[in-house]
Amino acid sequence: MAALRNSHSLVTAREDGVLVGIGNAISDGHLVVYYPHFLVDPAHQRKGIGRLMMQALCARYAGFHQQMLTADGDAIAFYESLGFTRAGRTAPMWIYAGTEH
């Protein structure tokens, strides 16, 4: 919760009052934005919820030099449909404490 509260931007989606989607942005506020978390409940996917949420975030950061995210699996095609492309020959790198990837 603290990470989300301290985001530069936070979007949520609710259906009948129930939280079904959440996404956030970390940014310097001028040149670069990174979208670290973007989730839509699987039961609510393919309804346009994620598209509306990401469009709202991208609109806020339109004109920024760099908008970045890390996508894997089925999410790659979703982000490509929103205009994101692979970053040339760069490779995502991290020190990661999780186990789900």
PDB file of N, CA and C in Angstrom:
ATOM      1  N   MET A   1       0.819  -1.196   0.000  1.00  0.00           N
ATOM      2  CA  MET A   1       0.000   0.000   0.000  1.00  0.00           C
ATOM      3  C   MET A   1       0.865   1.263   0.000  1.00  0.00           C
ATOM      4  N   ALA A   2       1.950   1.252   0.755  1.00  0.00           N
ATOM      5  CA  ALA A   2       2.801   2.443   0.809  1.00  0.00           C
ATOM      6  C   ALA A   2       3.374   2.757  -0.570  1.00  0.00           C
ATOM      7  N   ALA A   3       3.757   1.718  -1.310  1.00  0.00           N
ATOM      8  CA  ALA A   3       4.305   1.944  -2.649  1.00  0.00           C
ATOM      9  C   ALA A   3       3.257   2.590  -3.547  1.00  0.00           C
ATOM     10  N   LEU A   4       2.038   2.123  -3.487  1.00  0.00           N
ATOM     11  CA  LEU A   4       0.981   2.702  -4.317  1.00  0.00           C
ATOM     12  C   LEU A   4       0.661   4.128  -3.889  1.00  0.00           C
ATOM     13  N   ARG A   5       0.601   4.367  -2.600  1.00  0.00           N
ATOM     14  CA  ARG A   5       0.304   5.721  -2.104  1.00  0.00           C
ATOM     15  C   ARG A   5       1.374   6.729  -2.509  1.00  0.00           C
ATOM     16  N   ASN A   6       2.595   6.278  -2.661  1.00  0.00           N
ATOM     17  CA  ASN A   6       3.687   7.182  -3.007  1.00  0.00           C
ATOM     18  C   ASN A   6       3.977   7.232  -4.502  1.00  0.00           C
ATOM     19  N   SER A   7       3.109   6.657  -5.304  1.00  0.00           N
ATOM     20  CA  SER A   7       3.259   6.716  -6.750  1.00  0.00           C
ATOM     21  C   SER A   7       3.044   8.141  -7.236  1.00  0.00           C
ATOM     22  N   HIS A   8       3.591   8.449  -8.396  1.00  0.00           N
ATOM     23  CA  HIS A   8       3.340   9.742  -9.031  1.00  0.00           C
ATOM     24  C   HIS A   8       1.890   9.811  -9.495  1.00  0.00           C
ATOM     25  N   SER A   9       1.382   8.680 -10.014  1.00  0.00           N
ATOM     26  CA  SER A   9      -0.020   8.556 -10.429  1.00  0.00           C
ATOM     27  C   SER A   9      -0.525   7.173 -10.072  1.00  0.00           C
ATOM     28  N   LEU A  10      -1.820   7.089  -9.845  1.00  0.00           N
ATOM     29  CA  LEU A  10      -2.464   5.817  -9.532  1.00  0.00           C
ATOM     30  C   LEU A  10      -3.834   5.818 -10.198  1.00  0.00           C
ATOM     31  N   VAL A  11      -4.145   4.749 -10.928  1.00  0.00           N
ATOM     32  CA  VAL A  11      -5.478   4.606 -11.503  1.00  0.00           C
ATOM     33  C   VAL A  11      -6.089   3.313 -10.976  1.00  0.00           C
ATOM     34  N   THR A  12      -7.407   3.337 -10.813  1.00  0.00           N
ATOM     35  CA  THR A  12      -8.126   2.139 -10.397  1.00  0.00           C
ATOM     36  C   THR A  12      -9.369   1.999 -11.263  1.00  0.00           C
ATOM     37  N   ALA A  13      -9.881   0.796 -11.316  1.00  0.00           N
ATOM     38  CA  ALA A  13     -11.142   0.526 -12.006  1.00  0.00           C
ATOM     39  C   ALA A  13     -12.024  -0.271 -11.059  1.00  0.00           C
ATOM     40  N   ARG A  14     -13.273   0.120 -11.036  1.00  0.00           N
ATOM     41  CA  ARG A  14     -14.242  -0.578 -10.191  1.00  0.00           C
ATOM     42  C   ARG A  14     -15.451  -0.939 -11.031  1.00  0.00           C
ATOM     43  N   GLU A  15     -16.014  -2.075 -10.711  1.00  0.00           N
ATOM     44  CA  GLU A  15     -17.235  -2.514 -11.360  1.00  0.00           C
ATOM     45  C   GLU A  15     -18.233  -2.834 -10.254  1.00  0.00           C
ATOM     46  N   ASP A  16     -19.322  -2.115 -10.245  1.00  0.00           N
ATOM     47  CA  ASP A  16     -20.319  -2.243  -9.170  1.00  0.00           C
ATOM     48  C   ASP A  16     -19.680  -2.071  -7.792  1.00  0.00           C
ATOM     49  N   GLY A  17     -18.728  -1.127  -7.693  1.00  0.00           N
ATOM     50  CA  GLY A  17     -18.077  -0.821  -6.428  1.00  0.00           C
ATOM     51  C   GLY A  17     -16.938  -1.752  -6.054  1.00  0.00           C
ATOM     52  N   VAL A  18     -16.711  -2.789  -6.830  1.00  0.00           N
ATOM     53  CA  VAL A  18     -15.661  -3.767  -6.528  1.00  0.00           C
ATOM     54  C   VAL A  18     -14.406  -3.415  -7.334  1.00  0.00           C
ATOM     55  N   LEU A  19     -13.260  -3.364  -6.663  1.00  0.00           N
ATOM     56  CA  LEU A  19     -11.996  -3.082  -7.330  1.00  0.00           C
ATOM     57  C   LEU A  19     -11.660  -4.216  -8.287  1.00  0.00           C
ATOM     58  N   VAL A  20     -11.501  -3.871  -9.587  1.00  0.00           N
ATOM     59  CA  VAL A  20     -11.174  -4.897 -10.584  1.00  0.00           C
ATOM     60  C   VAL A  20      -9.876  -4.585 -11.324  1.00  0.00           C
ATOM     61  N   GLY A  21      -9.323  -3.383 -11.128  1.00  0.00           N
ATOM     62  CA  GLY A  21      -8.078  -3.037 -11.803  1.00  0.00           C
ATOM     63  C   GLY A  21      -7.321  -1.962 -11.063  1.00  0.00           C
ATOM     64  N   ILE A  22      -5.995  -2.006 -11.197  1.00  0.00           N
ATOM     65  CA  ILE A  22      -5.140  -1.010 -10.559  1.00  0.00           C
ATOM     66  C   ILE A  22      -3.853  -0.872 -11.379  1.00  0.00           C
ATOM     67  N   GLY A  23      -3.365   0.345 -11.495  1.00  0.00           N
ATOM     68  CA  GLY A  23      -2.104   0.600 -12.172  1.00  0.00           C
ATOM     69  C   GLY A  23      -1.465   1.845 -11.584  1.00  0.00           C
ATOM     70  N   ASN A  24      -0.132   1.921 -11.644  1.00  0.00           N
ATOM     71  CA  ASN A  24       0.535   3.095 -11.097  1.00  0.00           C
ATOM     72  C   ASN A  24       1.697   3.524 -11.968  1.00  0.00           C
ATOM     73  N   ALA A  25       2.182   4.729 -11.698  1.00  0.00           N
ATOM     74  CA  ALA A  25       3.304   5.301 -12.435  1.00  0.00           C
ATOM     75  C   ALA A  25       4.289   5.909 -11.455  1.00  0.00           C
ATOM     76  N   ILE A  26       5.554   5.738 -11.770  1.00  0.00           N
ATOM     77  CA  ILE A  26       6.648   6.387 -11.047  1.00  0.00           C
ATOM     78  C   ILE A  26       7.311   7.312 -12.051  1.00  0.00           C
ATOM     79  N   SER A  27       7.485   8.573 -11.686  1.00  0.00           N
ATOM     80  CA  SER A  27       7.984   9.529 -12.667  1.00  0.00           C
ATOM     81  C   SER A  27       8.777  10.648 -12.023  1.00  0.00           C
ATOM     82  N   ASP A  28       9.651  11.266 -12.842  1.00  0.00           N
ATOM     83  CA  ASP A  28      10.319  12.492 -12.412  1.00  0.00           C
ATOM     84  C   ASP A  28       9.423  13.702 -12.678  1.00  0.00           C
ATOM     85  N   GLY A  29       8.288  13.466 -13.319  1.00  0.00           N
ATOM     86  CA  GLY A  29       7.326  14.529 -13.566  1.00  0.00           C
ATOM     87  C   GLY A  29       7.603  15.370 -14.794  1.00  0.00           C
ATOM     88  N   HIS A  30       8.677  15.051 -15.533  1.00  0.00           N
ATOM     89  CA  HIS A  30       9.034  15.880 -16.682  1.00  0.00           C
ATOM     90  C   HIS A  30       9.458  15.085 -17.912  1.00  0.00           C
ATOM     91  N   LEU A  31      10.343  14.109 -17.745  1.00  0.00           N
ATOM     92  CA  LEU A  31      10.912  13.411 -18.901  1.00  0.00           C
ATOM     93  C   LEU A  31      10.603  11.920 -18.967  1.00  0.00           C
ATOM     94  N   VAL A  32      10.589  11.263 -17.825  1.00  0.00           N
ATOM     95  CA  VAL A  32      10.534   9.804 -17.798  1.00  0.00           C
ATOM     96  C   VAL A  32       9.421   9.322 -16.875  1.00  0.00           C
ATOM     97  N   VAL A  33       8.717   8.302 -17.333  1.00  0.00           N
ATOM     98  CA  VAL A  33       7.714   7.647 -16.498  1.00  0.00           C
ATOM     99  C   VAL A  33       7.876   6.139 -16.666  1.00  0.00           C
ATOM    100  N   TYR A  34       7.703   5.418 -15.576  1.00  0.00           N
ATOM    101  CA  TYR A  34       7.763   3.966 -15.569  1.00  0.00           C
ATOM    102  C   TYR A  34       6.468   3.454 -14.954  1.00  0.00           C
ATOM    103  N   TYR A  35       5.855   2.489 -15.605  1.00  0.00           N
ATOM    104  CA  TYR A  35       4.616   1.882 -15.121  1.00  0.00           C
ATOM    105  C   TYR A  35       4.955   0.524 -14.504  1.00  0.00           C
ATOM    106  N   PRO A  36       5.157   0.449 -13.190  1.00  0.00           N
ATOM    107  CA  PRO A  36       5.627  -0.796 -12.580  1.00  0.00           C
ATOM    108  C   PRO A  36       4.537  -1.830 -12.308  1.00  0.00           C
ATOM    109  N   HIS A  37       3.319  -1.375 -12.017  1.00  0.00           N
ATOM    110  CA  HIS A  37       2.253  -2.313 -11.659  1.00  0.00           C
ATOM    111  C   HIS A  37       1.017  -1.995 -12.491  1.00  0.00           C
ATOM    112  N   PHE A  38       0.464  -3.015 -13.108  1.00  0.00           N
ATOM    113  CA  PHE A  38      -0.738  -2.827 -13.908  1.00  0.00           C
ATOM    114  C   PHE A  38      -1.481  -4.154 -13.911  1.00  0.00           C
ATOM    115  N   LEU A  39      -2.590  -4.209 -13.209  1.00  0.00           N
ATOM    116  CA  LEU A  39      -3.303  -5.469 -13.003  1.00  0.00           C
ATOM    117  C   LEU A  39      -4.798  -5.288 -13.223  1.00  0.00           C
ATOM    118  N   VAL A  40      -5.391  -6.234 -13.925  1.00  0.00           N
ATOM    119  CA  VAL A  40      -6.843  -6.304 -14.056  1.00  0.00           C
ATOM    120  C   VAL A  40      -7.241  -7.730 -13.671  1.00  0.00           C
ATOM    121  N   ASP A  41      -8.217  -7.837 -12.807  1.00  0.00           N
ATOM    122  CA  ASP A  41      -8.704  -9.149 -12.378  1.00  0.00           C
ATOM    123  C   ASP A  41      -9.001  -9.991 -13.619  1.00  0.00           C
ATOM    124  N   PRO A  42      -8.472 -11.216 -13.677  1.00  0.00           N
ATOM    125  CA  PRO A  42      -8.688 -12.058 -14.861  1.00  0.00           C
ATOM    126  C   PRO A  42     -10.161 -12.212 -15.253  1.00  0.00           C
ATOM    127  N   ALA A  43     -11.065 -12.213 -14.289  1.00  0.00           N
ATOM    128  CA  ALA A  43     -12.494 -12.341 -14.595  1.00  0.00           C
ATOM    129  C   ALA A  43     -13.042 -11.107 -15.304  1.00  0.00           C
ATOM    130  N   HIS A  44     -12.270 -10.005 -15.283  1.00  0.00           N
ATOM    131  CA  HIS A  44     -12.727  -8.755 -15.890  1.00  0.00           C
ATOM    132  C   HIS A  44     -11.863  -8.329 -17.080  1.00  0.00           C
ATOM    133  N   GLN A  45     -10.958  -9.185 -17.492  1.00  0.00           N
ATOM    134  CA  GLN A  45     -10.113  -8.858 -18.639  1.00  0.00           C
ATOM    135  C   GLN A  45     -10.896  -8.994 -19.935  1.00  0.00           C
ATOM    136  N   ARG A  46     -10.381  -8.335 -20.974  1.00  0.00           N
ATOM    137  CA  ARG A  46     -10.983  -8.330 -22.315  1.00  0.00           C
ATOM    138  C   ARG A  46     -12.323  -7.600 -22.352  1.00  0.00           C
ATOM    139  N   LYS A  47     -12.497  -6.632 -21.449  1.00  0.00           N
ATOM    140  CA  LYS A  47     -13.686  -5.780 -21.441  1.00  0.00           C
ATOM    141  C   LYS A  47     -13.319  -4.328 -21.731  1.00  0.00           C
ATOM    142  N   GLY A  48     -12.030  -4.054 -21.976  1.00  0.00           N
ATOM    143  CA  GLY A  48     -11.592  -2.689 -22.238  1.00  0.00           C
ATOM    144  C   GLY A  48     -11.168  -1.924 -20.995  1.00  0.00           C
ATOM    145  N   ILE A  49     -11.233  -2.562 -19.835  1.00  0.00           N
ATOM    146  CA  ILE A  49     -10.877  -1.904 -18.578  1.00  0.00           C
ATOM    147  C   ILE A  49      -9.403  -1.533 -18.574  1.00  0.00           C
ATOM    148  N   GLY A  50      -8.544  -2.483 -18.885  1.00  0.00           N
ATOM    149  CA  GLY A  50      -7.102  -2.218 -18.907  1.00  0.00           C
ATOM    150  C   GLY A  50      -6.743  -1.154 -19.928  1.00  0.00           C
ATOM    151  N   ARG A  51      -7.364  -1.201 -21.090  1.00  0.00           N
ATOM    152  CA  ARG A  51      -7.106  -0.211 -22.134  1.00  0.00           C
ATOM    153  C   ARG A  51      -7.448   1.199 -21.635  1.00  0.00           C
ATOM    154  N   LEU A  52      -8.602   1.358 -21.004  1.00  0.00           N
ATOM    155  CA  LEU A  52      -8.989   2.674 -20.483  1.00  0.00           C
ATOM    156  C   LEU A  52      -8.031   3.154 -19.397  1.00  0.00           C
ATOM    157  N   MET A  53      -7.625   2.251 -18.522  1.00  0.00           N
ATOM    158  CA  MET A  53      -6.698   2.632 -17.457  1.00  0.00           C
ATOM    159  C   MET A  53      -5.359   3.072 -18.030  1.00  0.00           C
ATOM    160  N   MET A  54      -4.800   2.296 -18.985  1.00  0.00           N
ATOM    161  CA  MET A  54      -3.503   2.642 -19.552  1.00  0.00           C
ATOM    162  C   MET A  54      -3.603   3.907 -20.397  1.00  0.00           C
ATOM    163  N   GLN A  55      -4.718   4.099 -21.096  1.00  0.00           N
ATOM    164  CA  GLN A  55      -4.901   5.329 -21.862  1.00  0.00           C
ATOM    165  C   GLN A  55      -4.915   6.547 -20.937  1.00  0.00           C
ATOM    166  N   ALA A  56      -5.506   6.402 -19.764  1.00  0.00           N
ATOM    167  CA  ALA A  56      -5.516   7.507 -18.800  1.00  0.00           C
ATOM    168  C   ALA A  56      -4.102   7.834 -18.332  1.00  0.00           C
ATOM    169  N   LEU A  57      -3.314   6.813 -18.039  1.00  0.00           N
ATOM    170  CA  LEU A  57      -1.932   7.052 -17.617  1.00  0.00           C
ATOM    171  C   LEU A  57      -1.116   7.659 -18.752  1.00  0.00           C
ATOM    172  N   CYS A  58      -1.229   7.091 -19.940  1.00  0.00           N
ATOM    173  CA  CYS A  58      -0.450   7.601 -21.075  1.00  0.00           C
ATOM    174  C   CYS A  58      -0.834   9.042 -21.415  1.00  0.00           C
ATOM    175  N   ALA A  59      -2.090   9.384 -21.263  1.00  0.00           N
ATOM    176  CA  ALA A  59      -2.525  10.764 -21.528  1.00  0.00           C
ATOM    177  C   ALA A  59      -1.855  11.727 -20.554  1.00  0.00           C
ATOM    178  N   ARG A  60      -1.730  11.321 -19.311  1.00  0.00           N
ATOM    179  CA  ARG A  60      -1.092  12.191 -18.322  1.00  0.00           C
ATOM    180  C   ARG A  60       0.375  12.447 -18.670  1.00  0.00           C
ATOM    181  N   TYR A  61       1.041  11.448 -19.265  1.00  0.00           N
ATOM    182  CA  TYR A  61       2.470  11.558 -19.555  1.00  0.00           C
ATOM    183  C   TYR A  61       2.756  11.749 -21.051  1.00  0.00           C
ATOM    184  N   ALA A  62       1.747  12.125 -21.802  1.00  0.00           N
ATOM    185  CA  ALA A  62       1.936  12.374 -23.239  1.00  0.00           C
ATOM    186  C   ALA A  62       3.011  13.439 -23.419  1.00  0.00           C
ATOM    187  N   GLY A  63       3.887  13.225 -24.375  1.00  0.00           N
ATOM    188  CA  GLY A  63       4.956  14.179 -24.639  1.00  0.00           C
ATOM    189  C   GLY A  63       6.218  13.933 -23.831  1.00  0.00           C
ATOM    190  N   PHE A  64       6.176  13.003 -22.882  1.00  0.00           N
ATOM    191  CA  PHE A  64       7.384  12.674 -22.126  1.00  0.00           C
ATOM    192  C   PHE A  64       8.386  11.998 -23.054  1.00  0.00           C
ATOM    193  N   HIS A  65       9.648  12.194 -22.790  1.00  0.00           N
ATOM    194  CA  HIS A  65      10.717  11.613 -23.592  1.00  0.00           C
ATOM    195  C   HIS A  65      10.671  10.090 -23.577  1.00  0.00           C
ATOM    196  N   GLN A  66      10.293   9.513 -22.439  1.00  0.00           N
ATOM    197  CA  GLN A  66      10.351   8.066 -22.295  1.00  0.00           C
ATOM    198  C   GLN A  66       9.228   7.565 -21.402  1.00  0.00           C
ATOM    199  N   GLN A  67       8.432   6.637 -21.927  1.00  0.00           N
ATOM    200  CA  GLN A  67       7.431   5.925 -21.145  1.00  0.00           C
ATOM    201  C   GLN A  67       7.831   4.454 -21.185  1.00  0.00           C
ATOM    202  N   MET A  68       8.026   3.851 -20.022  1.00  0.00           N
ATOM    203  CA  MET A  68       8.580   2.496 -19.966  1.00  0.00           C
ATOM    204  C   MET A  68       7.725   1.563 -19.118  1.00  0.00           C
ATOM    205  N   LEU A  69       7.784   0.290 -19.474  1.00  0.00           N
ATOM    206  CA  LEU A  69       7.199  -0.764 -18.658  1.00  0.00           C
ATOM    207  C   LEU A  69       7.874  -2.065 -19.014  1.00  0.00           C
ATOM    208  N   THR A  70       7.683  -3.057 -18.188  1.00  0.00           N
ATOM    209  CA  THR A  70       8.182  -4.396 -18.465  1.00  0.00           C
ATOM    210  C   THR A  70       6.970  -5.295 -18.633  1.00  0.00           C
ATOM    211  N   ALA A  71       6.888  -5.969 -19.774  1.00  0.00           N
ATOM    212  CA  ALA A  71       5.752  -6.854 -20.044  1.00  0.00           C
ATOM    213  C   ALA A  71       6.261  -8.261 -20.301  1.00  0.00           C
ATOM    214  N   ASP A  72       5.459  -9.235 -19.923  1.00  0.00           N
ATOM    215  CA  ASP A  72       5.803 -10.610 -20.248  1.00  0.00           C
ATOM    216  C   ASP A  72       4.549 -11.376 -20.622  1.00  0.00           C
ATOM    217  N   GLY A  73       4.755 -12.535 -21.212  1.00  0.00           N
ATOM    218  CA  GLY A  73       3.640 -13.418 -21.550  1.00  0.00           C
ATOM    219  C   GLY A  73       2.597 -12.762 -22.430  1.00  0.00           C
ATOM    220  N   ASP A  74       1.353 -13.029 -22.112  1.00  0.00           N
ATOM    221  CA  ASP A  74       0.237 -12.513 -22.900  1.00  0.00           C
ATOM    222  C   ASP A  74       0.115 -10.998 -22.835  1.00  0.00           C
ATOM    223  N   ALA A  75       0.734 -10.365 -21.859  1.00  0.00           N
ATOM    224  CA  ALA A  75       0.645  -8.907 -21.725  1.00  0.00           C
ATOM    225  C   ALA A  75       1.391  -8.181 -22.839  1.00  0.00           C
ATOM    226  N   ILE A  76       2.347  -8.828 -23.469  1.00  0.00           N
ATOM    227  CA  ILE A  76       3.132  -8.167 -24.518  1.00  0.00           C
ATOM    228  C   ILE A  76       2.228  -7.688 -25.639  1.00  0.00           C
ATOM    229  N   ALA A  77       1.355  -8.542 -26.147  1.00  0.00           N
ATOM    230  CA  ALA A  77       0.449  -8.158 -27.234  1.00  0.00           C
ATOM    231  C   ALA A  77      -0.485  -7.030 -26.799  1.00  0.00           C
ATOM    232  N   PHE A  78      -0.931  -7.054 -25.544  1.00  0.00           N
ATOM    233  CA  PHE A  78      -1.798  -5.981 -25.036  1.00  0.00           C
ATOM    234  C   PHE A  78      -1.092  -4.638 -25.113  1.00  0.00           C
ATOM    235  N   TYR A  79       0.132  -4.568 -24.609  1.00  0.00           N
ATOM    236  CA  TYR A  79       0.863  -3.298 -24.621  1.00  0.00           C
ATOM    237  C   TYR A  79       1.234  -2.873 -26.035  1.00  0.00           C
ATOM    238  N   GLU A  80       1.554  -3.822 -26.900  1.00  0.00           N
ATOM    239  CA  GLU A  80       1.828  -3.473 -28.290  1.00  0.00           C
ATOM    240  C   GLU A  80       0.593  -2.859 -28.943  1.00  0.00           C
ATOM    241  N   SER A  81      -0.590  -3.334 -28.583  1.00  0.00           N
ATOM    242  CA  SER A  81      -1.826  -2.776 -29.140  1.00  0.00           C
ATOM    243  C   SER A  81      -2.053  -1.338 -28.690  1.00  0.00           C
ATOM    244  N   LEU A  82      -1.370  -0.933 -27.626  1.00  0.00           N
ATOM    245  CA  LEU A  82      -1.476   0.442 -27.127  1.00  0.00           C
ATOM    246  C   LEU A  82      -0.335   1.326 -27.612  1.00  0.00           C
ATOM    247  N   GLY A  83       0.524   0.788 -28.478  1.00  0.00           N
ATOM    248  CA  GLY A  83       1.585   1.589 -29.061  1.00  0.00           C
ATOM    249  C   GLY A  83       2.967   1.377 -28.477  1.00  0.00           C
ATOM    250  N   PHE A  84       3.085   0.552 -27.447  1.00  0.00           N
ATOM    251  CA  PHE A  84       4.409   0.268 -26.891  1.00  0.00           C
ATOM    252  C   PHE A  84       5.153  -0.664 -27.845  1.00  0.00           C
ATOM    253  N   THR A  85       6.455  -0.490 -27.939  1.00  0.00           N
ATOM    254  CA  THR A  85       7.286  -1.356 -28.763  1.00  0.00           C
ATOM    255  C   THR A  85       8.472  -1.837 -27.943  1.00  0.00           C
ATOM    256  N   ARG A  86       9.079  -2.898 -28.397  1.00  0.00           N
ATOM    257  CA  ARG A  86      10.296  -3.379 -27.734  1.00  0.00           C
ATOM    258  C   ARG A  86      11.364  -2.301 -27.855  1.00  0.00           C
ATOM    259  N   ALA A  87      12.185  -2.180 -26.863  1.00  0.00           N
ATOM    260  CA  ALA A  87      13.176  -1.101 -26.787  1.00  0.00           C
ATOM    261  C   ALA A  87      14.453  -1.484 -27.519  1.00  0.00           C
ATOM    262  N   GLY A  88      14.352  -1.546 -28.841  1.00  0.00           N
ATOM    263  CA  GLY A  88      15.541  -1.844 -29.637  1.00  0.00           C
ATOM    264  C   GLY A  88      16.201  -3.137 -29.219  1.00  0.00           C
ATOM    265  N   ARG A  89      17.505  -3.054 -29.000  1.00  0.00           N
ATOM    266  CA  ARG A  89      18.254  -4.244 -28.593  1.00  0.00           C
ATOM    267  C   ARG A  89      18.519  -4.257 -27.090  1.00  0.00           C
ATOM    268  N   THR A  90      17.805  -3.431 -26.336  1.00  0.00           N
ATOM    269  CA  THR A  90      18.006  -3.420 -24.890  1.00  0.00           C
ATOM    270  C   THR A  90      17.439  -4.686 -24.275  1.00  0.00           C
ATOM    271  N   ALA A  91      17.898  -5.015 -23.099  1.00  0.00           N
ATOM    272  CA  ALA A  91      17.410  -6.178 -22.367  1.00  0.00           C
ATOM    273  C   ALA A  91      16.964  -5.727 -20.980  1.00  0.00           C
ATOM    274  N   PRO A  92      15.774  -6.151 -20.554  1.00  0.00           N
ATOM    275  CA  PRO A  92      15.371  -5.813 -19.192  1.00  0.00           C
ATOM    276  C   PRO A  92      16.304  -6.502 -18.204  1.00  0.00           C
ATOM    277  N   MET A  93      16.706  -5.774 -17.200  1.00  0.00           N
ATOM    278  CA  MET A  93      17.609  -6.314 -16.182  1.00  0.00           C
ATOM    279  C   MET A  93      17.103  -5.877 -14.822  1.00  0.00           C
ATOM    280  N   TRP A  94      17.342  -6.692 -13.818  1.00  0.00           N
ATOM    281  CA  TRP A  94      16.876  -6.338 -12.486  1.00  0.00           C
ATOM    282  C   TRP A  94      17.581  -7.138 -11.408  1.00  0.00           C
ATOM    283  N   ILE A  95      17.461  -6.655 -10.208  1.00  0.00           N
ATOM    284  CA  ILE A  95      17.722  -7.424  -8.994  1.00  0.00           C
ATOM    285  C   ILE A  95      16.330  -7.585  -8.411  1.00  0.00           C
ATOM    286  N   TYR A  96      15.843  -8.801  -8.349  1.00  0.00           N
ATOM    287  CA  TYR A  96      14.431  -9.045  -8.079  1.00  0.00           C
ATOM    288  C   TYR A  96      14.273  -9.986  -6.897  1.00  0.00           C
ATOM    289  N   ALA A  97      13.438  -9.613  -5.957  1.00  0.00           N
ATOM    290  CA  ALA A  97      13.247 -10.420  -4.762  1.00  0.00           C
ATOM    291  C   ALA A  97      12.058 -11.364  -4.876  1.00  0.00           C
ATOM    292  N   GLY A  98      11.322 -11.304  -5.984  1.00  0.00           N
ATOM    293  CA  GLY A  98      10.143 -12.148  -6.143  1.00  0.00           C
ATOM    294  C   GLY A  98      10.469 -13.537  -6.659  1.00  0.00           C
ATOM    295  N   THR A  99       9.441 -14.351  -6.817  1.00  0.00           N
ATOM    296  CA  THR A  99       9.621 -15.715  -7.304  1.00  0.00           C
ATOM    297  C   THR A  99       8.680 -16.048  -8.454  1.00  0.00           C
ATOM    298  N   GLU A 100       7.797 -15.132  -8.859  1.00  0.00           N
ATOM    299  CA  GLU A 100       6.775 -15.466  -9.843  1.00  0.00           C
ATOM    300  C   GLU A 100       7.210 -15.329 -11.295  1.00  0.00           C
ATOM    301  N   HIS A 101       8.458 -14.993 -11.583  1.00  0.00           N
ATOM    302  CA  HIS A 101       8.903 -14.876 -12.968  1.00  0.00           C
ATOM    303  C   HIS A 101      10.014 -15.849 -13.257  1.00  0.00           C
TER     304      HIS A 101
END
